[in-house]
C-alpha atoms as a PDB file:
ATOM      1  CA  UNK A   1      22.933  -7.840  -3.596  1.00  0.00           C
ATOM      2  CA  UNK A   2      21.207  -4.704  -4.830  1.00  0.00           C
ATOM      3  CA  UNK A   3      21.540  -4.017  -8.544  1.00  0.00           C
ATOM      4  CA  UNK A   4      21.509  -0.432  -9.777  1.00  0.00           C
ATOM      5  CA  UNK A   5      19.864   0.958 -12.872  1.00  0.00           C
ATOM      6  CA  UNK A   6      22.313   1.387 -15.744  1.00  0.00           C
ATOM      7  CA  UNK A   7      20.691   4.712 -16.696  1.00  0.00           C
ATOM      8  CA  UNK A   8      22.163   7.520 -14.558  1.00  0.00           C
ATOM      9  CA  UNK A   9      19.616   9.409 -12.505  1.00  0.00           C
ATOM     10  CA  UNK A  10      19.824  13.194 -12.728  1.00  0.00           C
ATOM     11  CA  UNK A  11      18.782  14.653  -9.407  1.00  0.00           C
ATOM     12  CA  UNK A  12      17.685  17.991 -10.801  1.00  0.00           C
ATOM     13  CA  UNK A  13      15.563  16.396 -13.519  1.00  0.00           C
ATOM     14  CA  UNK A  14      13.848  14.101 -11.020  1.00  0.00           C
ATOM     15  CA  UNK A  15      13.126  17.102  -8.791  1.00  0.00           C
ATOM     16  CA  UNK A  16      11.429  18.909 -11.690  1.00  0.00           C
ATOM     17  CA  UNK A  17       7.855  18.583 -10.322  1.00  0.00           C
ATOM     18  CA  UNK A  18       8.994  19.953  -6.947  1.00  0.00           C
ATOM     19  CA  UNK A  19      10.681  22.979  -8.563  1.00  0.00           C
ATOM     20  CA  UNK A  20       7.698  23.526 -10.860  1.00  0.00           C
ATOM     21  CA  UNK A  21       5.083  23.534  -8.100  1.00  0.00           C
ATOM     22  CA  UNK A  22       7.281  25.754  -5.909  1.00  0.00           C
ATOM     23  CA  UNK A  23       7.659  28.327  -8.696  1.00  0.00           C
ATOM     24  CA  UNK A  24       3.945  28.154  -9.554  1.00  0.00           C
ATOM     25  CA  UNK A  25       2.843  28.629  -5.945  1.00  0.00           C
ATOM     26  CA  UNK A  26       5.274  31.512  -5.455  1.00  0.00           C
ATOM     27  CA  UNK A  27       4.109  33.191  -8.654  1.00  0.00           C
ATOM     28  CA  UNK A  28       0.450  32.962  -7.639  1.00  0.00           C
ATOM     29  CA  UNK A  29       1.211  34.397  -4.186  1.00  0.00           C
ATOM     30  CA  UNK A  30       3.217  37.310  -5.638  1.00  0.00           C
ATOM     31  CA  UNK A  31       1.191  38.272  -8.691  1.00  0.00           C
ATOM     32  CA  UNK A  32      -2.363  36.999  -8.116  1.00  0.00           C
ATOM     33  CA  UNK A  33      -3.599  36.511  -4.557  1.00  0.00           C
ATOM     34  CA  UNK A  34      -2.757  35.235  -1.096  1.00  0.00           C
ATOM     35  CA  UNK A  35      -1.617  31.650  -1.644  1.00  0.00           C
ATOM     36  CA  UNK A  36       0.166  29.079   0.544  1.00  0.00           C
ATOM     37  CA  UNK A  37      -0.479  31.568   3.377  1.00  0.00           C
ATOM     38  CA  UNK A  38       1.850  34.167   1.814  1.00  0.00           C
ATOM     39  CA  UNK A  39       1.233  37.306  -0.242  1.00  0.00           C
ATOM     40  CA  UNK A  40       2.988  40.363  -1.627  1.00  0.00           C
ATOM     41  CA  UNK A  41       6.699  40.235  -2.434  1.00  0.00           C
ATOM     42  CA  UNK A  42       7.555  38.199   0.687  1.00  0.00           C
ATOM     43  CA  UNK A  43       6.962  34.822  -1.059  1.00  0.00           C
ATOM     44  CA  UNK A  44       9.981  35.529  -3.294  1.00  0.00           C
ATOM     45  CA  UNK A  45      12.241  34.608  -0.382  1.00  0.00           C
ATOM     46  CA  UNK A  46       9.906  33.088   2.199  1.00  0.00           C
ATOM     47  CA  UNK A  47       8.600  30.291  -0.061  1.00  0.00           C
ATOM     48  CA  UNK A  48      12.091  29.035  -1.117  1.00  0.00           C
ATOM     49  CA  UNK A  49      13.341  29.261   2.478  1.00  0.00           C
ATOM     50  CA  UNK A  50      10.309  27.340   3.735  1.00  0.00           C
ATOM     51  CA  UNK A  51      10.872  24.673   1.084  1.00  0.00           C
ATOM     52  CA  UNK A  52      14.583  24.425   1.954  1.00  0.00           C
ATOM     53  CA  UNK A  53      13.847  24.125   5.678  1.00  0.00           C
ATOM     54  CA  UNK A  54      11.219  21.416   5.200  1.00  0.00           C
ATOM     55  CA  UNK A  55      13.321  19.541   2.625  1.00  0.00           C
ATOM     56  CA  UNK A  56      16.346  19.482   4.941  1.00  0.00           C
ATOM     57  CA  UNK A  57      14.107  18.488   7.845  1.00  0.00           C
ATOM     58  CA  UNK A  58      12.949  15.452   5.862  1.00  0.00           C
ATOM     59  CA  UNK A  59      16.164  14.417   4.085  1.00  0.00           C
ATOM     60  CA  UNK A  60      18.838  14.889   6.769  1.00  0.00           C
ATOM     61  CA  UNK A  61      17.386  12.090   8.974  1.00  0.00           C
ATOM     62  CA  UNK A  62      18.410   9.652   6.213  1.00  0.00           C
ATOM     63  CA  UNK A  63      21.823   9.506   7.900  1.00  0.00           C
ATOM     64  CA  UNK A  64      20.122   7.638  10.773  1.00  0.00           C
ATOM     65  CA  UNK A  65      18.597   5.009   8.466  1.00  0.00           C
ATOM     66  CA  UNK A  66      21.395   2.436   9.074  1.00  0.00           C
ATOM     67  CA  UNK A  67      20.838   2.801  12.828  1.00  0.00           C
ATOM     68  CA  UNK A  68      17.093   2.262  12.346  1.00  0.00           C
ATOM     69  CA  UNK A  69      17.819  -0.863  10.292  1.00  0.00           C
ATOM     70  CA  UNK A  70      20.068  -2.261  13.029  1.00  0.00           C
ATOM     71  CA  UNK A  71      17.406  -1.506  15.626  1.00  0.00           C
ATOM     72  CA  UNK A  72      14.722  -3.200  13.529  1.00  0.00           C
ATOM     73  CA  UNK A  73      16.726  -6.368  12.978  1.00  0.00           C
ATOM     74  CA  UNK A  74      17.499  -6.516  16.696  1.00  0.00           C
ATOM     75  CA  UNK A  75      13.787  -6.414  17.467  1.00  0.00           C
ATOM     76  CA  UNK A  76      12.666  -8.900  14.799  1.00  0.00           C
ATOM     77  CA  UNK A  77      15.434 -11.406  14.109  1.00  0.00           C
ATOM     78  CA  UNK A  78      14.953 -14.351  16.458  1.00  0.00           C
ATOM     79  CA  UNK A  79      15.301 -18.121  16.234  1.00  0.00           C
ATOM     80  CA  UNK A  80      12.639 -19.402  13.856  1.00  0.00           C
ATOM     81  CA  UNK A  81      11.704 -15.987  12.517  1.00  0.00           C
ATOM     82  CA  UNK A  82      13.464 -13.043  11.015  1.00  0.00           C
ATOM     83  CA  UNK A  83      14.145 -10.919   7.972  1.00  0.00           C
ATOM     84  CA  UNK A  84      14.901 -12.399   4.578  1.00  0.00           C
ATOM     85  CA  UNK A  85      15.702 -10.733   1.285  1.00  0.00           C
ATOM     86  CA  UNK A  86      15.773 -11.539  -2.406  1.00  0.00           C
ATOM     87  CA  UNK A  87      19.222 -12.399  -3.829  1.00  0.00           C
ATOM     88  CA  UNK A  88      18.899  -9.826  -6.636  1.00  0.00           C
ATOM     89  CA  UNK A  89      17.113  -6.522  -6.146  1.00  0.00           C
ATOM     90  CA  UNK A  90      16.871  -4.004  -8.981  1.00  0.00           C
ATOM     91  CA  UNK A  91      16.882  -0.477  -7.591  1.00  0.00           C
ATOM     92  CA  UNK A  92      15.252   2.158  -9.752  1.00  0.00           C
ATOM     93  CA  UNK A  93      12.875   5.082  -9.352  1.00  0.00           C
ATOM     94  CA  UNK A  94       9.696   5.310 -11.372  1.00  0.00           C
ATOM     95  CA  UNK A  95       7.832   8.586 -11.981  1.00  0.00           C
ATOM     96  CA  UNK A  96       4.647   7.132 -10.485  1.00  0.00           C
ATOM     97  CA  UNK A  97       6.436   6.176  -7.281  1.00  0.00           C
ATOM     98  CA  UNK A  98       8.669   9.235  -6.974  1.00  0.00           C
ATOM     99  CA  UNK A  99       6.238  11.914  -8.090  1.00  0.00           C
ATOM    100  CA  UNK A 100       2.826  10.588  -7.056  1.00  0.00           C
ATOM    101  CA  UNK A 101       2.585   7.696  -4.608  1.00  0.00           C
ATOM    102  CA  UNK A 102       5.353   8.476  -2.135  1.00  0.00           C
ATOM    103  CA  UNK A 103       4.958  12.264  -1.881  1.00  0.00           C
ATOM    104  CA  UNK A 104       1.235  11.927  -1.200  1.00  0.00           C
ATOM    105  CA  UNK A 105       1.912   9.064   1.189  1.00  0.00           C
ATOM    106  CA  UNK A 106       4.184  11.419   3.122  1.00  0.00           C
ATOM    107  CA  UNK A 107       1.669  14.261   3.033  1.00  0.00           C
ATOM    108  CA  UNK A 108      -1.117  11.999   4.266  1.00  0.00           C
ATOM    109  CA  UNK A 109       1.010  10.564   7.065  1.00  0.00           C
ATOM    110  CA  UNK A 110       2.077  14.055   8.160  1.00  0.00           C
ATOM    111  CA  UNK A 111      -1.508  15.285   8.279  1.00  0.00           C
ATOM    112  CA  UNK A 112      -2.510  12.131  10.164  1.00  0.00           C
ATOM    113  CA  UNK A 113       0.168  12.617  12.833  1.00  0.00           C
ATOM    114  CA  UNK A 114      -0.558  16.347  13.048  1.00  0.00           C
ATOM    115  CA  UNK A 115      -4.294  15.770  13.471  1.00  0.00           C
ATOM    116  CA  UNK A 116      -3.678  13.169  16.203  1.00  0.00           C
ATOM    117  CA  UNK A 117      -1.288  15.510  18.021  1.00  0.00           C
ATOM    118  CA  UNK A 118      -3.744  18.392  17.810  1.00  0.00           C
ATOM    119  CA  UNK A 119      -6.568  16.148  19.034  1.00  0.00           C
ATOM    120  CA  UNK A 120      -4.481  15.164  22.067  1.00  0.00           C
ATOM    121  CA  UNK A 121      -3.645  18.805  22.811  1.00  0.00           C
ATOM    122  CA  UNK A 122      -7.286  19.769  22.415  1.00  0.00           C
ATOM    123  CA  UNK A 123      -8.354  17.044  24.823  1.00  0.00           C
ATOM    124  CA  UNK A 124      -5.646  18.058  27.305  1.00  0.00           C
ATOM    125  CA  UNK A 125      -6.515  21.760  27.306  1.00  0.00           C
ATOM    126  CA  UNK A 126     -10.262  21.191  27.091  1.00  0.00           C
ATOM    127  CA  UNK A 127     -10.674  24.030  24.605  1.00  0.00           C
ATOM    128  CA  UNK A 128     -11.161  23.775  20.847  1.00  0.00           C
ATOM    129  CA  UNK A 129      -8.150  24.644  18.711  1.00  0.00           C
ATOM    130  CA  UNK A 130      -8.778  27.477  16.286  1.00  0.00           C
ATOM    131  CA  UNK A 131      -7.813  27.265  12.641  1.00  0.00           C
ATOM    132  CA  UNK A 132      -5.373  30.149  13.092  1.00  0.00           C
ATOM    133  CA  UNK A 133      -3.415  27.992  15.541  1.00  0.00           C
ATOM    134  CA  UNK A 134      -3.206  25.093  13.077  1.00  0.00           C
ATOM    135  CA  UNK A 135      -2.471  26.664   9.707  1.00  0.00           C
ATOM    136  CA  UNK A 136       0.844  28.345   8.799  1.00  0.00           C
ATOM    137  CA  UNK A 137       1.050  31.970   9.832  1.00  0.00           C
ATOM    138  CA  UNK A 138       3.637  33.281   7.364  1.00  0.00           C
ATOM    139  CA  UNK A 139       6.023  34.347  10.138  1.00  0.00           C
ATOM    140  CA  UNK A 140       8.454  32.491  12.411  1.00  0.00           C
ATOM    141  CA  UNK A 141       7.267  30.972  15.702  1.00  0.00           C
ATOM    142  CA  UNK A 142       9.850  29.035  17.692  1.00  0.00           C
ATOM    143  CA  UNK A 143       7.383  26.655  19.375  1.00  0.00           C
ATOM    144  CA  UNK A 144       5.698  25.807  16.074  1.00  0.00           C
ATOM    145  CA  UNK A 145       9.162  25.349  14.518  1.00  0.00           C
ATOM    146  CA  UNK A 146      10.136  22.761  17.160  1.00  0.00           C
ATOM    147  CA  UNK A 147       6.876  20.830  16.738  1.00  0.00           C
ATOM    148  CA  UNK A 148       7.125  20.792  12.938  1.00  0.00           C
ATOM    149  CA  UNK A 149      10.790  19.759  13.084  1.00  0.00           C
ATOM    150  CA  UNK A 150      10.125  16.884  15.470  1.00  0.00           C
ATOM    151  CA  UNK A 151       7.126  15.728  13.452  1.00  0.00           C
ATOM    152  CA  UNK A 152       9.172  15.932  10.248  1.00  0.00           C
ATOM    153  CA  UNK A 153      11.973  13.798  11.676  1.00  0.00           C
ATOM    154  CA  UNK A 154       9.505  11.153  12.879  1.00  0.00           C
ATOM    155  CA  UNK A 155       7.669  10.997   9.544  1.00  0.00           C
ATOM    156  CA  UNK A 156      10.944  10.972   7.599  1.00  0.00           C
ATOM    157  CA  UNK A 157      12.405   8.044   9.538  1.00  0.00           C
ATOM    158  CA  UNK A 158       9.195   6.029   9.367  1.00  0.00           C
ATOM    159  CA  UNK A 159       8.770   6.585   5.634  1.00  0.00           C
ATOM    160  CA  UNK A 160      12.453   6.069   4.838  1.00  0.00           C
ATOM    161  CA  UNK A 161      12.548   2.766   6.679  1.00  0.00           C
ATOM    162  CA  UNK A 162       9.321   1.501   5.081  1.00  0.00           C
ATOM    163  CA  UNK A 163      10.441   2.575   1.609  1.00  0.00           C
ATOM    164  CA  UNK A 164      13.867   0.991   2.064  1.00  0.00           C
ATOM    165  CA  UNK A 165      12.356  -2.338   3.131  1.00  0.00           C
ATOM    166  CA  UNK A 166       9.999  -2.198   0.152  1.00  0.00           C
ATOM    167  CA  UNK A 167      12.668  -1.299  -2.419  1.00  0.00           C
ATOM    168  CA  UNK A 168      15.175  -3.827  -1.073  1.00  0.00           C
ATOM    169  CA  UNK A 169      12.595  -6.624  -1.135  1.00  0.00           C
ATOM    170  CA  UNK A 170      12.958  -7.367   2.584  1.00  0.00           C
ATOM    171  CA  UNK A 171      10.397  -9.821   3.931  1.00  0.00           C
ATOM    172  CA  UNK A 172       9.471 -11.220   7.325  1.00  0.00           C
ATOM    173  CA  UNK A 173       9.559 -15.004   7.646  1.00  0.00           C
ATOM    174  CA  UNK A 174       8.030 -17.114  10.406  1.00  0.00           C
ATOM    175  CA  UNK A 175       9.333 -20.694  10.212  1.00  0.00           C
ATOM    176  CA  UNK A 176       6.655 -22.033  12.567  1.00  0.00           C
ATOM    177  CA  UNK A 177       3.727 -20.870  10.453  1.00  0.00           C
ATOM    178  CA  UNK A 178       5.514 -20.690   7.115  1.00  0.00           C
ATOM    179  CA  UNK A 179       4.259 -17.129   6.744  1.00  0.00           C
ATOM    180  CA  UNK A 180       6.231 -14.647   4.624  1.00  0.00           C
ATOM    181  CA  UNK A 181       5.268 -10.975   4.503  1.00  0.00           C
ATOM    182  CA  UNK A 182       6.654  -7.960   2.684  1.00  0.00           C
ATOM    183  CA  UNK A 183       7.867  -5.655   5.450  1.00  0.00           C
ATOM    184  CA  UNK A 184       7.732  -2.420   3.484  1.00  0.00           C
ATOM    185  CA  UNK A 185       4.060  -2.811   2.602  1.00  0.00           C
ATOM    186  CA  UNK A 186       2.841  -2.590   6.207  1.00  0.00           C
ATOM    187  CA  UNK A 187       2.557   1.191   5.977  1.00  0.00           C
ATOM    188  CA  UNK A 188       0.248   1.044   2.986  1.00  0.00           C
ATOM    189  CA  UNK A 189      -0.682   3.854   0.656  1.00  0.00           C
ATOM    190  CA  UNK A 190      -4.407   4.543   0.811  1.00  0.00           C
ATOM    191  CA  UNK A 191      -4.864   4.485   4.597  1.00  0.00           C
ATOM    192  CA  UNK A 192      -2.314   7.205   5.515  1.00  0.00           C
ATOM    193  CA  UNK A 193      -3.624   9.478   2.770  1.00  0.00           C
ATOM    194  CA  UNK A 194      -7.305   8.920   3.560  1.00  0.00           C
ATOM    195  CA  UNK A 195      -7.067   9.094   7.343  1.00  0.00           C
ATOM    196  CA  UNK A 196      -4.622  12.011   7.182  1.00  0.00           C
ATOM    197  CA  UNK A 197      -6.899  14.240   5.130  1.00  0.00           C
ATOM    198  CA  UNK A 198      -9.978  13.131   7.089  1.00  0.00           C
ATOM    199  CA  UNK A 199      -8.304  13.895  10.416  1.00  0.00           C
ATOM    200  CA  UNK A 200      -7.148  17.316   9.276  1.00  0.00           C
ATOM    201  CA  UNK A 201     -10.635  18.187   8.036  1.00  0.00           C
ATOM    202  CA  UNK A 202     -11.953  17.263  11.491  1.00  0.00           C
ATOM    203  CA  UNK A 203      -9.515  19.712  13.091  1.00  0.00           C
ATOM    204  CA  UNK A 204     -10.905  22.412  10.779  1.00  0.00           C
ATOM    205  CA  UNK A 205     -14.502  21.423  11.545  1.00  0.00           C
ATOM    206  CA  UNK A 206     -15.370  24.950  12.746  1.00  0.00           C
ATOM    207  CA  UNK A 207     -14.230  26.418   9.406  1.00  0.00           C
ATOM    208  CA  UNK A 208     -16.623  26.574   6.415  1.00  0.00           C
ATOM    209  CA  UNK A 209     -16.082  23.582   4.156  1.00  0.00           C
ATOM    210  CA  UNK A 210     -14.823  25.525   1.141  1.00  0.00           C
ATOM    211  CA  UNK A 211     -12.343  27.448   3.305  1.00  0.00           C
ATOM    212  CA  UNK A 212     -11.155  24.201   4.905  1.00  0.00           C
ATOM    213  CA  UNK A 213     -10.812  22.615   1.466  1.00  0.00           C
ATOM    214  CA  UNK A 214      -8.781  25.594   0.248  1.00  0.00           C
ATOM    215  CA  UNK A 215      -6.566  25.421   3.345  1.00  0.00           C
ATOM    216  CA  UNK A 216      -5.878  21.697   2.896  1.00  0.00           C
ATOM    217  CA  UNK A 217      -5.138  22.244  -0.804  1.00  0.00           C
ATOM    218  CA  UNK A 218      -2.607  24.937   0.089  1.00  0.00           C
ATOM    219  CA  UNK A 219      -1.036  22.602   2.661  1.00  0.00           C
ATOM    220  CA  UNK A 220      -0.616  20.016  -0.098  1.00  0.00           C
ATOM    221  CA  UNK A 221       1.040  22.626  -2.328  1.00  0.00           C
ATOM    222  CA  UNK A 222       3.424  23.495   0.522  1.00  0.00           C
ATOM    223  CA  UNK A 223       4.249  19.898   1.466  1.00  0.00           C
ATOM    224  CA  UNK A 224       4.494  18.302  -1.977  1.00  0.00           C
ATOM    225  CA  UNK A 225       7.905  19.776  -2.995  1.00  0.00           C
ATOM    226  CA  UNK A 226       9.752  18.676   0.189  1.00  0.00           C
ATOM    227  CA  UNK A 227       8.162  15.204   0.179  1.00  0.00           C
ATOM    228  CA  UNK A 228       8.919  14.799  -3.524  1.00  0.00           C
ATOM    229  CA  UNK A 229      12.504  15.757  -2.644  1.00  0.00           C
ATOM    230  CA  UNK A 230      12.575  13.114   0.089  1.00  0.00           C
ATOM    231  CA  UNK A 231      11.288  10.416  -2.282  1.00  0.00           C
ATOM    232  CA  UNK A 232      13.905  11.244  -4.934  1.00  0.00           C
ATOM    233  CA  UNK A 233      16.837  11.671  -2.520  1.00  0.00           C
ATOM    234  CA  UNK A 234      15.836   8.414  -0.809  1.00  0.00           C
ATOM    235  CA  UNK A 235      16.102   6.604  -4.167  1.00  0.00           C
ATOM    236  CA  UNK A 236      19.575   8.079  -4.729  1.00  0.00           C
ATOM    237  CA  UNK A 237      20.539   7.068  -1.189  1.00  0.00           C
ATOM    238  CA  UNK A 238      19.489   3.458  -1.783  1.00  0.00           C
ATOM    239  CA  UNK A 239      21.386   3.375  -5.060  1.00  0.00           C
ATOM    240  CA  UNK A 240      24.550   4.121  -3.102  1.00  0.00           C
ATOM    241  CA  UNK A 241      23.977   2.531   0.294  1.00  0.00           C
ATOM    242  CA  UNK A 242      21.457  -0.255  -0.374  1.00  0.00           C
ATOM    243  CA  UNK A 243      23.999  -3.032   0.198  1.00  0.00           C
ATOM    244  CA  UNK A 244      25.074  -1.433   3.473  1.00  0.00           C
ATOM    245  CA  UNK A 245      21.467  -1.318   4.681  1.00  0.00           C
ATOM    246  CA  UNK A 246      21.033  -5.010   3.837  1.00  0.00           C
ATOM    247  CA  UNK A 247      24.073  -5.788   5.980  1.00  0.00           C
ATOM    248  CA  UNK A 248      22.618  -3.681   8.807  1.00  0.00           C
ATOM    249  CA  UNK A 249      19.363  -5.640   8.550  1.00  0.00           C
ATOM    250  CA  UNK A 250      21.271  -8.962   8.548  1.00  0.00           C
ATOM    251  CA  UNK A 251      18.859 -10.491   6.098  1.00  0.00           C
ATOM    252  CA  UNK A 252      19.126 -14.064   4.851  1.00  0.00           C
ATOM    253  CA  UNK A 253      19.220 -13.984   1.050  1.00  0.00           C
ATOM    254  CA  UNK A 254      16.870 -16.590  -0.405  1.00  0.00           C
END
């Protein structure tokens, strides 16, 4: 049974860092210089719309989390091995987890998947991909929109499932070997971040290092608010539906 924090969580307060970075990035783009691949007065509406689109792209797939849990238990639960959970799980969101670890985990995983996809496309076409084809353009492109949406859904479901297993204390037990593992820790923290940034730098290998560094930094500024939103909304979701997810996983409480 999942226990909830007695202190009510205010969604808008927890999203403070996301709002703050969004306002800061928009202000720099409008009043100082080209930033987050926008400039002039356009960022006043383009930056909030981009944030809203990415945030919805990441948070709406949460409705499929129960289905993912049922699918996972169907693949793992067998005679002599399966999922187990702690009898009492205390669900809460810490600033370190919600504002630092999980947003950057999402950013790193997104860059990792994007770099792998671009590497495959580059190998298929046999021609190097230019930086202008990788970085945001500041205007709408339907093909890019479909790719980003599909990638966002995949990353959202993977992260949401891993975070849910971690927060709910779900473990994998093998009766034959006596092995017990924490399911939610398989994704890790350092590896997605490290490999994601390294892979994206490789894609920008033909760009001067300082320009590539500036581009990656701007990508982080763009992606942090929506991934921070996902981390916070995910915590609210577990507060309300954690028990339902445990039933979907069919865990044995030990």
